[in-house]
Amino acid sequence: MKKENLIGGGILILCFTAIIIGICLVFFQGTKEQKGLTPAIVSQKKIAIVRIYGEISFQNPTKEVWGGSVKSADRIVKKLLAIRHDHSIKAVILRINSPGGTVAATQEIYNQIKELKKSGKKVVVSIGDIGASGAYYIACPADKIVANAGSLIGSIGVIMHLPEVSSLLEKVGVNLRVIKSGQHKDIGSLARPMSEEERVILQGVIDDAYQQFYQAVKNGRQNISENKLRELADGRIFTGQQAKKAGLIDEIGDYQQTIDITAKLAGITGTPAIIEEDEPFQWLKGLIEGFSSTPISLFNNSSLLKSPCLEYYWRP
């Protein structure tokens, strides 16, 4: 009897699972053209949407911040590469909602955007709540940058956070013994005050990364004079309206208006096919991962505990 109950229960579970999968497949089938980069669409009037949300880095966090699910820079680069080789896609909209991120990750995405333009595709940026620091760096090569009047734009600069807790360690009686191969091998250590020589070295690193950022903005925003750009590139942020007046963006407009602007720029008449590439069942993945969010995991994700790195990031 118990065996029969187990078999019956297993059959019920399988049936329930099949029904859920069937419903999901029906739901996503209706949006395949909208959501997938698929050769099934034969229209030659495509605009691809690439969403760059949250912190830009090579990590692949599971949390959702800044209005969307965060994807690693590697995945964004892979998506841009696929779009570049799809000859039916005439233009790309980068939908950005990000405060920036690490320097190298930002630059890899930036390089792919330049390659997209070389391939003949039009690239337009649509900024949501924020397109600051590394996110603005990524926007610079675009043919047009569109933002809302109240979007936050700019923060052209570089930052490195290096916590120092030597006084606290001394109070609790903790001594950190370091054996190193060179004088500056533990530069930035949180266990001791930074020397002036070390500060000069790190400032040199920051300055070099800043010049790379500055040059990217200069190349992309040639409508801004050298003197004006030096004034703007001091790390400050602007509203979309202020950024338009300063020449940091081209148009004030929302996402739907950006689609119209892009279609016109790409010479697309009629209604273009808008395609996106989203993970099927992402909502289910997020639900499962939500159960794993514990106070410990939240503590481990704290920006204060990250390894020191160069960042194009607006962090008030």
Protein backbone atom coordinates (compact mmCIF):
# COMPACT_ATOMS: atom_id res chain seq x y z
CA MET A 1 0.00 0.00 0.00
CA LYS A 2 2.81 2.37 0.91
CA LYS A 3 4.55 1.56 -2.37
CA GLU A 4 1.38 2.39 -4.31
CA ASN A 5 1.06 5.70 -2.43
CA LEU A 6 4.65 6.61 -3.30
CA ILE A 7 4.10 5.80 -6.97
CA GLY A 8 0.87 7.78 -7.02
CA GLY A 9 2.52 10.75 -5.33
CA GLY A 10 5.38 10.66 -7.82
CA ILE A 11 2.95 10.66 -10.75
CA LEU A 12 1.10 13.64 -9.29
CA ILE A 13 4.34 15.59 -8.87
CA LEU A 14 5.37 14.82 -12.45
CA CYS A 15 1.97 15.91 -13.76
CA PHE A 16 2.07 19.14 -11.75
CA THR A 17 5.60 19.90 -13.00
CA ALA A 18 4.57 19.24 -16.61
CA ILE A 19 1.59 21.59 -16.29
CA ILE A 20 3.76 24.40 -14.86
CA ILE A 21 6.37 23.97 -17.63
CA GLY A 22 3.61 23.94 -20.26
CA ILE A 23 2.11 27.17 -18.95
CA CYS A 24 5.54 28.83 -18.92
CA LEU A 25 6.29 27.70 -22.48
CA VAL A 26 2.98 29.07 -23.72
CA PHE A 27 3.61 32.34 -21.92
CA PHE A 28 7.11 32.79 -23.33
CA GLN A 29 6.16 31.58 -26.82
CA GLY A 30 4.06 34.68 -27.30
CA THR A 31 7.03 36.91 -26.51
CA LYS A 32 9.73 35.01 -28.37
CA GLU A 33 10.03 37.65 -31.07
CA GLN A 34 10.24 40.39 -28.46
CA LYS A 35 12.62 38.62 -26.10
CA GLY A 36 15.02 36.43 -28.07
CA LEU A 37 17.88 37.01 -30.50
CA THR A 38 16.59 34.32 -32.81
CA PRO A 39 17.06 33.69 -36.54
CA ALA A 40 13.34 32.95 -36.76
CA ILE A 41 12.67 36.66 -37.25
CA VAL A 42 13.21 37.43 -40.93
CA SER A 43 12.47 41.15 -40.71
CA GLN A 44 15.38 43.38 -41.66
CA LYS A 45 14.13 46.23 -39.44
CA LYS A 46 15.45 45.08 -36.07
CA ILE A 47 16.54 47.15 -33.11
CA ALA A 48 18.25 45.17 -30.35
CA ILE A 49 17.89 46.24 -26.71
CA VAL A 50 20.78 45.62 -24.33
CA ARG A 51 20.11 46.41 -20.68
CA ILE A 52 23.02 47.46 -18.48
CA TYR A 53 21.65 47.64 -14.95
CA GLY A 54 23.39 47.83 -11.59
CA GLU A 55 27.09 47.68 -10.84
CA ILE A 56 29.33 46.97 -13.84
CA SER A 57 31.80 44.24 -12.95
CA PHE A 58 33.00 40.77 -13.88
CA GLN A 59 31.13 39.31 -10.92
CA ASN A 60 27.67 37.87 -11.49
CA PRO A 61 25.61 38.89 -8.44
CA THR A 62 22.13 37.44 -8.05
CA LYS A 63 20.56 40.45 -6.37
CA GLU A 64 18.41 42.97 -8.22
CA VAL A 65 19.42 46.61 -7.87
CA TRP A 66 18.94 49.89 -9.71
CA GLY A 67 15.75 48.68 -11.35
CA GLY A 68 16.76 45.33 -12.84
CA SER A 69 18.62 42.08 -12.68
CA VAL A 70 22.40 42.53 -12.64
CA LYS A 71 24.43 40.77 -15.34
CA SER A 72 28.19 40.35 -15.38
CA ALA A 73 30.31 42.32 -17.85
CA ASP A 74 31.27 39.04 -19.55
CA ARG A 75 27.63 38.33 -20.38
CA ILE A 76 27.07 41.85 -21.70
CA VAL A 77 30.19 41.61 -23.88
CA LYS A 78 29.02 38.24 -25.22
CA LYS A 79 25.61 39.71 -26.06
CA LEU A 80 27.14 42.70 -27.87
CA LEU A 81 29.41 40.37 -29.84
CA ALA A 82 26.41 38.28 -30.95
CA ILE A 83 24.55 41.42 -32.04
CA ARG A 84 27.57 42.63 -34.02
CA HIS A 85 27.51 39.46 -36.13
CA ASP A 86 23.74 39.56 -36.70
CA HIS A 87 23.41 41.45 -39.99
CA SER A 88 19.63 41.81 -39.65
CA ILE A 89 20.06 44.10 -36.62
CA LYS A 90 20.39 47.68 -37.81
CA ALA A 91 20.66 49.49 -34.49
CA VAL A 92 21.20 48.91 -30.78
CA ILE A 93 19.70 50.70 -27.80
CA LEU A 94 21.76 50.49 -24.62
CA ARG A 95 19.22 50.90 -21.82
CA ILE A 96 21.43 52.05 -18.94
CA ASN A 97 20.50 52.29 -15.29
CA SER A 98 23.80 52.08 -13.44
CA PRO A 99 26.08 54.10 -11.11
CA GLY A 100 29.17 52.61 -12.80
CA GLY A 101 31.57 49.88 -11.75
CA THR A 102 35.10 48.58 -12.04
CA VAL A 103 37.50 50.10 -14.55
CA ALA A 104 38.44 46.99 -16.56
CA ALA A 105 34.85 45.71 -16.86
CA THR A 106 33.70 49.13 -18.03
CA GLN A 107 36.44 49.29 -20.64
CA GLU A 108 35.67 45.85 -22.08
CA ILE A 109 32.04 46.81 -22.66
CA TYR A 110 33.14 50.20 -24.05
CA ASN A 111 35.44 48.48 -26.56
CA GLN A 112 32.61 46.23 -27.77
CA ILE A 113 30.37 49.24 -28.28
CA LYS A 114 33.03 50.86 -30.47
CA GLU A 115 33.24 47.62 -32.48
CA LEU A 116 29.46 47.69 -32.91
CA LYS A 117 29.71 51.13 -34.47
CA LYS A 118 32.55 50.00 -36.75
CA SER A 119 30.29 47.22 -38.04
CA GLY A 120 27.87 49.86 -39.29
CA LYS A 121 25.19 49.60 -36.61
CA LYS A 122 23.75 52.69 -34.99
CA VAL A 123 24.11 52.82 -31.21
CA VAL A 124 21.83 54.92 -29.02
CA VAL A 125 21.89 55.14 -25.22
CA SER A 126 18.73 55.51 -23.14
CA ILE A 127 19.43 56.44 -19.51
CA GLY A 128 16.89 55.64 -16.81
CA ASP A 129 17.39 56.79 -13.22
CA ILE A 130 21.16 57.01 -13.45
CA GLY A 131 24.03 56.79 -15.91
CA ALA A 132 27.02 57.84 -13.86
CA SER A 133 30.76 57.26 -13.89
CA GLY A 134 31.52 53.94 -15.67
CA ALA A 135 27.97 53.86 -17.03
CA TYR A 136 28.56 57.26 -18.64
CA TYR A 137 31.96 56.03 -19.91
CA ILE A 138 30.10 53.24 -21.72
CA ALA A 139 27.63 55.73 -23.18
CA CYS A 140 30.25 58.03 -24.70
CA PRO A 141 30.85 56.21 -28.03
CA ALA A 142 27.11 56.13 -28.84
CA ASP A 143 25.69 58.03 -31.82
CA LYS A 144 23.20 59.65 -29.45
CA ILE A 145 22.68 59.75 -25.68
CA VAL A 146 19.09 60.22 -24.51
CA ALA A 147 18.08 60.73 -20.88
CA ASN A 148 15.12 61.86 -18.83
CA ALA A 149 15.16 65.41 -17.52
CA GLY A 150 15.64 64.09 -13.98
CA SER A 151 18.16 61.32 -14.73
CA LEU A 152 21.53 61.53 -12.95
CA ILE A 153 24.43 61.86 -15.39
CA GLY A 154 28.19 62.30 -15.23
CA SER A 155 30.45 61.69 -12.23
CA ILE A 156 33.48 61.57 -14.55
CA GLY A 157 36.25 60.31 -12.32
CA VAL A 158 37.93 57.40 -10.54
CA ILE A 159 37.78 56.25 -6.94
CA MET A 160 39.42 53.61 -4.76
CA HIS A 161 38.13 52.77 -1.28
CA LEU A 162 40.77 51.58 1.20
CA PRO A 163 39.44 51.14 4.75
CA GLU A 164 41.95 51.48 7.58
CA VAL A 165 41.20 50.04 11.04
CA SER A 166 44.59 50.04 12.74
CA SER A 167 43.29 51.97 15.78
CA LEU A 168 40.51 49.45 16.28
CA LEU A 169 42.90 46.50 15.99
CA GLU A 170 45.19 48.11 18.55
CA LYS A 171 42.30 48.56 21.00
CA VAL A 172 41.27 44.91 20.80
CA GLY A 173 44.86 43.71 20.95
CA VAL A 174 45.16 42.31 17.42
CA ASN A 175 48.54 42.43 15.68
CA LEU A 176 48.87 41.56 11.99
CA ARG A 177 52.29 40.17 11.07
CA VAL A 178 53.15 40.67 7.40
CA ILE A 179 56.03 39.03 5.53
CA LYS A 180 56.45 40.61 2.11
CA SER A 181 58.77 40.49 -0.88
CA GLY A 182 58.88 44.23 -1.48
CA GLN A 183 58.32 47.51 0.32
CA HIS A 184 54.94 48.19 -1.27
CA LYS A 185 53.57 44.64 -1.53
CA ASP A 186 50.93 45.37 1.16
CA ILE A 187 50.11 48.86 -0.05
CA GLY A 188 46.61 49.80 1.09
CA SER A 189 46.65 47.45 4.08
CA LEU A 190 43.76 48.08 6.47
CA ALA A 191 45.96 47.16 9.43
CA ARG A 192 48.24 50.22 9.34
CA PRO A 193 48.15 53.88 8.33
CA MET A 194 49.13 54.68 4.75
CA SER A 195 52.49 56.39 4.24
CA GLU A 196 52.78 59.53 2.12
CA GLU A 197 54.89 57.65 -0.43
CA GLU A 198 52.14 55.04 -0.78
CA ARG A 199 49.53 57.75 -1.16
CA VAL A 200 51.54 59.28 -4.03
CA ILE A 201 51.84 55.90 -5.75
CA LEU A 202 48.11 55.22 -5.55
CA GLN A 203 47.28 58.76 -6.65
CA GLY A 204 49.37 58.11 -9.75
CA VAL A 205 47.31 54.99 -10.49
CA ILE A 206 44.07 56.95 -10.02
CA ASP A 207 45.30 59.79 -12.24
CA ASP A 208 46.24 57.41 -15.04
CA ALA A 209 42.83 55.70 -14.96
CA TYR A 210 41.19 59.15 -14.88
CA GLN A 211 43.03 60.21 -18.03
CA GLN A 212 41.72 57.10 -19.79
CA PHE A 213 38.18 58.07 -18.76
CA TYR A 214 38.72 61.70 -19.77
CA GLN A 215 40.01 60.66 -23.19
CA ALA A 216 36.98 58.43 -23.78
CA VAL A 217 34.66 61.35 -23.02
CA LYS A 218 36.72 63.72 -25.16
CA ASN A 219 36.59 61.30 -28.11
CA GLY A 220 32.88 60.70 -27.76
CA ARG A 221 31.69 64.23 -26.97
CA GLN A 222 33.59 66.30 -29.48
CA ASN A 223 30.97 69.03 -29.19
CA ILE A 224 32.48 70.02 -25.81
CA SER A 225 35.56 72.24 -25.78
CA GLU A 226 38.69 71.17 -23.91
CA ASN A 227 38.36 73.91 -21.29
CA LYS A 228 34.68 73.17 -20.72
CA LEU A 229 35.29 69.44 -20.42
CA ARG A 230 37.98 70.00 -17.77
CA GLU A 231 35.40 71.88 -15.71
CA LEU A 232 32.75 69.16 -16.12
CA ALA A 233 35.07 66.21 -15.48
CA ASP A 234 35.64 66.79 -11.76
CA GLY A 235 33.43 63.97 -10.48
CA ARG A 236 30.22 65.98 -10.12
CA ILE A 237 26.82 64.69 -11.23
CA PHE A 238 24.19 66.48 -13.29
CA THR A 239 20.48 66.13 -13.93
CA GLY A 240 19.53 65.16 -17.46
CA GLN A 241 18.50 68.74 -18.11
CA GLN A 242 21.83 70.10 -16.86
CA ALA A 243 23.72 67.45 -18.84
CA LYS A 244 21.88 68.42 -22.04
CA LYS A 245 22.81 72.07 -21.54
CA ALA A 246 26.46 71.10 -20.87
CA GLY A 247 26.61 68.87 -23.97
CA LEU A 248 27.08 65.60 -22.06
CA ILE A 249 23.91 64.16 -23.66
CA ASP A 250 22.07 64.87 -26.91
CA GLU A 251 18.35 64.62 -26.20
CA ILE A 252 15.83 64.71 -23.37
CA GLY A 253 13.47 61.78 -23.78
CA ASP A 254 12.14 58.55 -22.32
CA TYR A 255 12.64 54.96 -23.45
CA GLN A 256 9.79 54.97 -25.99
CA GLN A 257 11.01 58.21 -27.50
CA THR A 258 14.49 56.69 -27.74
CA ILE A 259 13.09 53.87 -29.89
CA ASP A 260 11.66 56.46 -32.31
CA ILE A 261 14.96 58.38 -32.35
CA THR A 262 16.91 55.18 -33.02
CA ALA A 263 14.62 54.03 -35.83
CA LYS A 264 14.96 57.38 -37.56
CA LEU A 265 18.74 57.39 -37.11
CA ALA A 266 18.99 53.88 -38.62
CA GLY A 267 16.72 54.77 -41.53
CA ILE A 268 14.03 52.32 -40.43
CA THR A 269 10.56 53.18 -41.72
CA GLY A 270 7.46 51.67 -40.23
CA THR A 271 7.41 49.78 -36.96
CA PRO A 272 10.78 48.16 -36.15
CA ALA A 273 11.06 44.74 -34.54
CA ILE A 274 12.28 45.31 -30.98
CA ILE A 275 14.22 42.31 -29.74
CA GLU A 276 15.70 41.53 -26.37
CA GLU A 277 17.55 38.60 -24.92
CA ASP A 278 16.27 37.69 -21.47
CA GLU A 279 16.74 34.48 -19.59
CA PRO A 280 13.61 32.30 -19.64
CA PHE A 281 12.29 31.55 -16.16
CA GLN A 282 14.47 34.31 -14.66
CA TRP A 283 11.62 35.04 -12.27
CA LEU A 284 11.74 31.45 -11.01
CA LYS A 285 15.50 31.60 -10.56
CA GLY A 286 15.14 34.81 -8.58
CA LEU A 287 12.46 33.28 -6.39
CA ILE A 288 14.66 30.30 -5.54
CA GLU A 289 17.68 32.51 -4.90
CA GLY A 290 15.59 34.73 -2.66
CA PHE A 291 15.36 31.94 -0.12
CA SER A 292 19.15 31.86 0.14
CA SER A 293 19.39 35.53 1.18
CA THR A 294 20.55 35.41 4.79
CA PRO A 295 22.01 38.12 7.02
CA ILE A 296 25.42 36.49 6.49
CA SER A 297 25.16 36.59 2.68
CA LEU A 298 24.04 40.22 2.81
CA PHE A 299 27.02 41.03 5.03
CA ASN A 300 29.38 39.30 2.60
CA ASN A 301 27.99 41.40 -0.27
CA SER A 302 28.81 44.64 1.53
CA SER A 303 30.86 47.04 -0.60
CA LEU A 304 33.05 47.74 2.42
CA LEU A 305 34.36 44.17 2.36
CA LYS A 306 35.20 44.02 -1.35
CA SER A 307 38.82 43.71 -2.44
CA PRO A 308 40.29 47.12 -3.25
CA CYS A 309 39.94 47.94 -6.95
CA LEU A 310 39.85 50.90 -9.29
CA GLU A 311 36.30 52.01 -9.91
CA TYR A 312 34.49 54.31 -12.29
CA TYR A 313 31.68 54.51 -9.74
CA TRP A 314 29.49 57.16 -8.20
CA ARG A 315 29.38 56.21 -4.51
CA PRO A 316 28.10 59.07 -2.27
